[in-house]
Every structure is written in C-alpha cells, then in structure tokens.
Amino acid sequence: MAESWSEQQRRHARERVELLRTILVDGDAEACGSAVSAMDLLEVICEEVAARHRVSSEDMRGHCRRAALVEARREAYELMLRAEFSVSEVARFFRRDHTTVLFALRGVEGAARRRSQLVAATVGALGAA
C-alpha cells in the first residue's frame, strides 16, 4: 500500500533530522552520500523546532508575533547559532535583519537573568523572615 501524503511528509522529516544528526555528530557531510547545503540544514532545524512547538515552519519564517511563534523562533535561532551558523545566515533564512535575531537572543538571556535574580531575592527574603 502506498504512503499517504502526511506519512510521506513525516518520513521525510525524520530522514532530514537523522541526516542533520549525522552531520552534526560526525562532522562529515560527505559520509551521508549527498551534498548538503547550509539552507538544507537550516530548514531541518526549523522544521524540527516547528514540530516540537506544533507550528508550521512557514509561520516561523513569517511575521506573526503570536507567543508560540516567537518562542519557537527564539529556540530555532539558538539552535542554529549552536550549529555554528552566523547570525547573518540565520537572519537571511528567517527573512529578518541580523539585529532582530540578536535582540531575540538577548531577550532570552535577560529573561533568564531576571528570573534568577527574582528567585535569589525571594529565597533571601524567606531566609530573613
């Protein structure tokens, strides 16, 4: 029996993720037997993050500011930079200015810092009481 369209899409997504893992872990794109472009890898990361957040990769590359999409984009930016793509490459992929990517990443760092300061202040206040 032939695969349905959705089954084929899921299979292709799994294959791309496996290809990305092979390349990132082994560091050897030629071991995969095909030429893999940077855009292909960026697309794989974007699709993986989109699937985890239950949004579409097209929506992630769009301009909607829904909280779910903003969070998914931030995670994708971070993963792409960890995979050693430049900020400019990531920004080009998402059709944004490089400063937008930098601002989003600073927002994540700032929120984490504020949370840790709040926890420290709360623990300090509870300890003093």
C-alpha atoms as a PDB file:
ATOM      1  CA  MET A   1       0.000   0.000   0.000  1.00  0.00           C
ATOM      2  CA  ALA A   2       1.293   3.455  -0.918  1.00  0.00           C
ATOM      3  CA  GLU A   3       2.123   6.043   1.709  1.00  0.00           C
ATOM      4  CA  SER A   4      -0.315   8.859   2.293  1.00  0.00           C
ATOM      5  CA  TRP A   5       0.916  12.433   1.830  1.00  0.00           C
ATOM      6  CA  SER A   6       1.150  13.069   5.583  1.00  0.00           C
ATOM      7  CA  GLU A   7       3.014   9.796   6.166  1.00  0.00           C
ATOM      8  CA  GLN A   8       5.465  10.697   3.426  1.00  0.00           C
ATOM      9  CA  GLN A   9       5.999  14.166   4.933  1.00  0.00           C
ATOM     10  CA  ARG A  10       6.649  12.668   8.386  1.00  0.00           C
ATOM     11  CA  ARG A  11       9.082  10.125   6.908  1.00  0.00           C
ATOM     12  CA  HIS A  12      10.973  12.858   5.051  1.00  0.00           C
ATOM     13  CA  ALA A  13      11.138  14.997   8.193  1.00  0.00           C
ATOM     14  CA  ARG A  14      12.562  12.047  10.163  1.00  0.00           C
ATOM     15  CA  GLU A  15      15.125  11.420   7.418  1.00  0.00           C
ATOM     16  CA  ARG A  16      16.210  15.079   7.406  1.00  0.00           C
ATOM     17  CA  VAL A  17      16.572  15.089  11.185  1.00  0.00           C
ATOM     18  CA  GLU A  18      18.661  11.928  11.028  1.00  0.00           C
ATOM     19  CA  LEU A  19      20.800  13.484   8.299  1.00  0.00           C
ATOM     20  CA  LEU A  20      21.328  16.575  10.422  1.00  0.00           C
ATOM     21  CA  ARG A  21      22.279  14.477  13.454  1.00  0.00           C
ATOM     22  CA  THR A  22      24.770  12.520  11.357  1.00  0.00           C
ATOM     23  CA  ILE A  23      26.357  15.698  10.052  1.00  0.00           C
ATOM     24  CA  LEU A  24      26.460  17.492  13.408  1.00  0.00           C
ATOM     25  CA  VAL A  25      27.699  14.491  15.394  1.00  0.00           C
ATOM     26  CA  ASP A  26      30.173  13.119  12.841  1.00  0.00           C
ATOM     27  CA  GLY A  27      31.010  16.470  11.316  1.00  0.00           C
ATOM     28  CA  ASP A  28      31.123  14.854   7.883  1.00  0.00           C
ATOM     29  CA  ALA A  29      28.531  15.770   5.259  1.00  0.00           C
ATOM     30  CA  GLU A  30      30.191  13.513   2.678  1.00  0.00           C
ATOM     31  CA  ALA A  31      29.507  10.446   4.847  1.00  0.00           C
ATOM     32  CA  CYS A  32      25.822  10.943   4.050  1.00  0.00           C
ATOM     33  CA  GLY A  33      26.453  10.347   0.359  1.00  0.00           C
ATOM     34  CA  SER A  34      24.995  13.651  -0.810  1.00  0.00           C
ATOM     35  CA  ALA A  35      25.861  17.290  -0.973  1.00  0.00           C
ATOM     36  CA  VAL A  36      24.029  19.092   1.803  1.00  0.00           C
ATOM     37  CA  SER A  37      23.660  22.851   1.651  1.00  0.00           C
ATOM     38  CA  ALA A  38      23.558  25.198   4.607  1.00  0.00           C
ATOM     39  CA  MET A  39      19.990  26.124   3.687  1.00  0.00           C
ATOM     40  CA  ASP A  40      19.000  22.444   3.884  1.00  0.00           C
ATOM     41  CA  LEU A  41      20.386  22.225   7.399  1.00  0.00           C
ATOM     42  CA  LEU A  42      18.685  25.439   8.461  1.00  0.00           C
ATOM     43  CA  GLU A  43      15.412  24.094   7.069  1.00  0.00           C
ATOM     44  CA  VAL A  44      15.824  20.848   9.017  1.00  0.00           C
ATOM     45  CA  ILE A  45      16.428  22.716  12.269  1.00  0.00           C
ATOM     46  CA  CYS A  46      13.449  24.980  11.603  1.00  0.00           C
ATOM     47  CA  GLU A  47      11.145  22.044  10.837  1.00  0.00           C
ATOM     48  CA  GLU A  48      12.275  20.148  13.927  1.00  0.00           C
ATOM     49  CA  VAL A  49      11.624  23.139  16.199  1.00  0.00           C
ATOM     50  CA  ALA A  50       8.311  23.842  14.455  1.00  0.00           C
ATOM     51  CA  ALA A  51       7.179  20.262  15.026  1.00  0.00           C
ATOM     52  CA  ARG A  52       8.129  20.455  18.704  1.00  0.00           C
ATOM     53  CA  HIS A  53       6.148  23.663  19.152  1.00  0.00           C
ATOM     54  CA  ARG A  54       3.266  22.471  16.952  1.00  0.00           C
ATOM     55  CA  VAL A  55       3.552  25.358  14.496  1.00  0.00           C
ATOM     56  CA  SER A  56       4.460  25.359  10.809  1.00  0.00           C
ATOM     57  CA  SER A  57       7.928  26.250   9.571  1.00  0.00           C
ATOM     58  CA  GLU A  58       6.306  28.693   7.114  1.00  0.00           C
ATOM     59  CA  ASP A  59       4.669  30.505  10.040  1.00  0.00           C
ATOM     60  CA  MET A  60       8.013  30.638  11.851  1.00  0.00           C
ATOM     61  CA  ARG A  61       9.508  32.420   8.840  1.00  0.00           C
ATOM     62  CA  GLY A  62       6.537  34.794   8.671  1.00  0.00           C
ATOM     63  CA  HIS A  63       5.958  37.992  10.606  1.00  0.00           C
ATOM     64  CA  CYS A  64       3.276  36.895  13.070  1.00  0.00           C
ATOM     65  CA  ARG A  65       4.045  37.824  16.704  1.00  0.00           C
ATOM     66  CA  ARG A  66       1.996  35.124  18.446  1.00  0.00           C
ATOM     67  CA  ALA A  67       3.769  33.985  21.609  1.00  0.00           C
ATOM     68  CA  ALA A  68       4.086  30.381  20.393  1.00  0.00           C
ATOM     69  CA  LEU A  69       5.806  31.513  17.199  1.00  0.00           C
ATOM     70  CA  VAL A  70       8.092  33.960  18.986  1.00  0.00           C
ATOM     71  CA  GLU A  71       9.233  31.242  21.385  1.00  0.00           C
ATOM     72  CA  ALA A  72       9.745  28.749  18.550  1.00  0.00           C
ATOM     73  CA  ARG A  73      11.794  31.296  16.588  1.00  0.00           C
ATOM     74  CA  ARG A  74      13.990  32.038  19.601  1.00  0.00           C
ATOM     75  CA  GLU A  75      14.683  28.346  20.092  1.00  0.00           C
ATOM     76  CA  ALA A  76      15.488  27.936  16.404  1.00  0.00           C
ATOM     77  CA  TYR A  77      17.835  30.949  16.472  1.00  0.00           C
ATOM     78  CA  GLU A  78      19.679  29.474  19.434  1.00  0.00           C
ATOM     79  CA  LEU A  79      19.993  26.008  17.877  1.00  0.00           C
ATOM     80  CA  MET A  80      21.186  27.430  14.571  1.00  0.00           C
ATOM     81  CA  LEU A  81      23.847  29.503  16.280  1.00  0.00           C
ATOM     82  CA  ARG A  82      24.949  26.472  18.315  1.00  0.00           C
ATOM     83  CA  ALA A  83      25.291  24.625  14.982  1.00  0.00           C
ATOM     84  CA  GLU A  84      27.798  27.378  14.082  1.00  0.00           C
ATOM     85  CA  PHE A  85      25.712  29.285  11.569  1.00  0.00           C
ATOM     86  CA  SER A  86      26.383  33.006  11.591  1.00  0.00           C
ATOM     87  CA  VAL A  87      23.799  35.497  12.803  1.00  0.00           C
ATOM     88  CA  SER A  88      23.581  36.820   9.231  1.00  0.00           C
ATOM     89  CA  GLU A  89      22.841  33.351   7.824  1.00  0.00           C
ATOM     90  CA  VAL A  90      20.128  32.766  10.418  1.00  0.00           C
ATOM     91  CA  ALA A  91      18.608  36.184   9.764  1.00  0.00           C
ATOM     92  CA  ARG A  92      18.612  35.625   5.999  1.00  0.00           C
ATOM     93  CA  PHE A  93      16.889  32.267   6.452  1.00  0.00           C
ATOM     94  CA  PHE A  94      14.116  33.853   8.529  1.00  0.00           C
ATOM     95  CA  ARG A  95      13.927  36.918   6.215  1.00  0.00           C
ATOM     96  CA  ARG A  96      14.884  39.272   9.029  1.00  0.00           C
ATOM     97  CA  ASP A  97      17.578  41.769   9.865  1.00  0.00           C
ATOM     98  CA  HIS A  98      20.507  40.353  11.847  1.00  0.00           C
ATOM     99  CA  THR A  99      19.771  42.758  14.706  1.00  0.00           C
ATOM    100  CA  THR A 100      16.325  41.155  15.111  1.00  0.00           C
ATOM    101  CA  VAL A 101      17.995  37.795  15.787  1.00  0.00           C
ATOM    102  CA  LEU A 102      20.432  39.398  18.238  1.00  0.00           C
ATOM    103  CA  PHE A 103      17.602  41.212  20.028  1.00  0.00           C
ATOM    104  CA  ALA A 104      15.585  37.982  20.381  1.00  0.00           C
ATOM    105  CA  LEU A 105      18.560  36.146  21.842  1.00  0.00           C
ATOM    106  CA  ARG A 106      19.324  38.967  24.274  1.00  0.00           C
ATOM    107  CA  GLY A 107      15.688  38.866  25.344  1.00  0.00           C
ATOM    108  CA  VAL A 108      16.087  35.213  26.305  1.00  0.00           C
ATOM    109  CA  GLU A 109      19.277  35.903  28.267  1.00  0.00           C
ATOM    110  CA  GLY A 110      17.707  38.902  30.011  1.00  0.00           C
ATOM    111  CA  ALA A 111      14.599  36.945  30.999  1.00  0.00           C
ATOM    112  CA  ALA A 112      16.730  34.148  32.454  1.00  0.00           C
ATOM    113  CA  ARG A 113      18.830  36.673  34.397  1.00  0.00           C
ATOM    114  CA  ARG A 114      15.704  38.408  35.758  1.00  0.00           C
ATOM    115  CA  ARG A 115      14.217  35.059  36.830  1.00  0.00           C
ATOM    116  CA  SER A 116      17.384  34.078  38.684  1.00  0.00           C
ATOM    117  CA  GLN A 117      17.500  37.481  40.416  1.00  0.00           C
ATOM    118  CA  LEU A 118      13.856  37.131  41.433  1.00  0.00           C
ATOM    119  CA  VAL A 119      14.466  33.640  42.823  1.00  0.00           C
ATOM    120  CA  ALA A 120      17.533  34.850  44.737  1.00  0.00           C
ATOM    121  CA  ALA A 121      15.600  37.796  46.180  1.00  0.00           C
ATOM    122  CA  THR A 122      12.696  35.547  47.159  1.00  0.00           C
ATOM    123  CA  VAL A 123      14.969  32.989  48.813  1.00  0.00           C
ATOM    124  CA  GLY A 124      16.815  35.816  50.607  1.00  0.00           C
ATOM    125  CA  ALA A 125      13.525  37.293  51.849  1.00  0.00           C
ATOM    126  CA  LEU A 126      12.299  33.897  53.057  1.00  0.00           C
ATOM    127  CA  GLY A 127      15.615  33.237  54.803  1.00  0.00           C
ATOM    128  CA  ALA A 128      15.484  36.591  56.601  1.00  0.00           C
ATOM    129  CA  ALA A 129      11.934  36.008  57.827  1.00  0.00           C
END
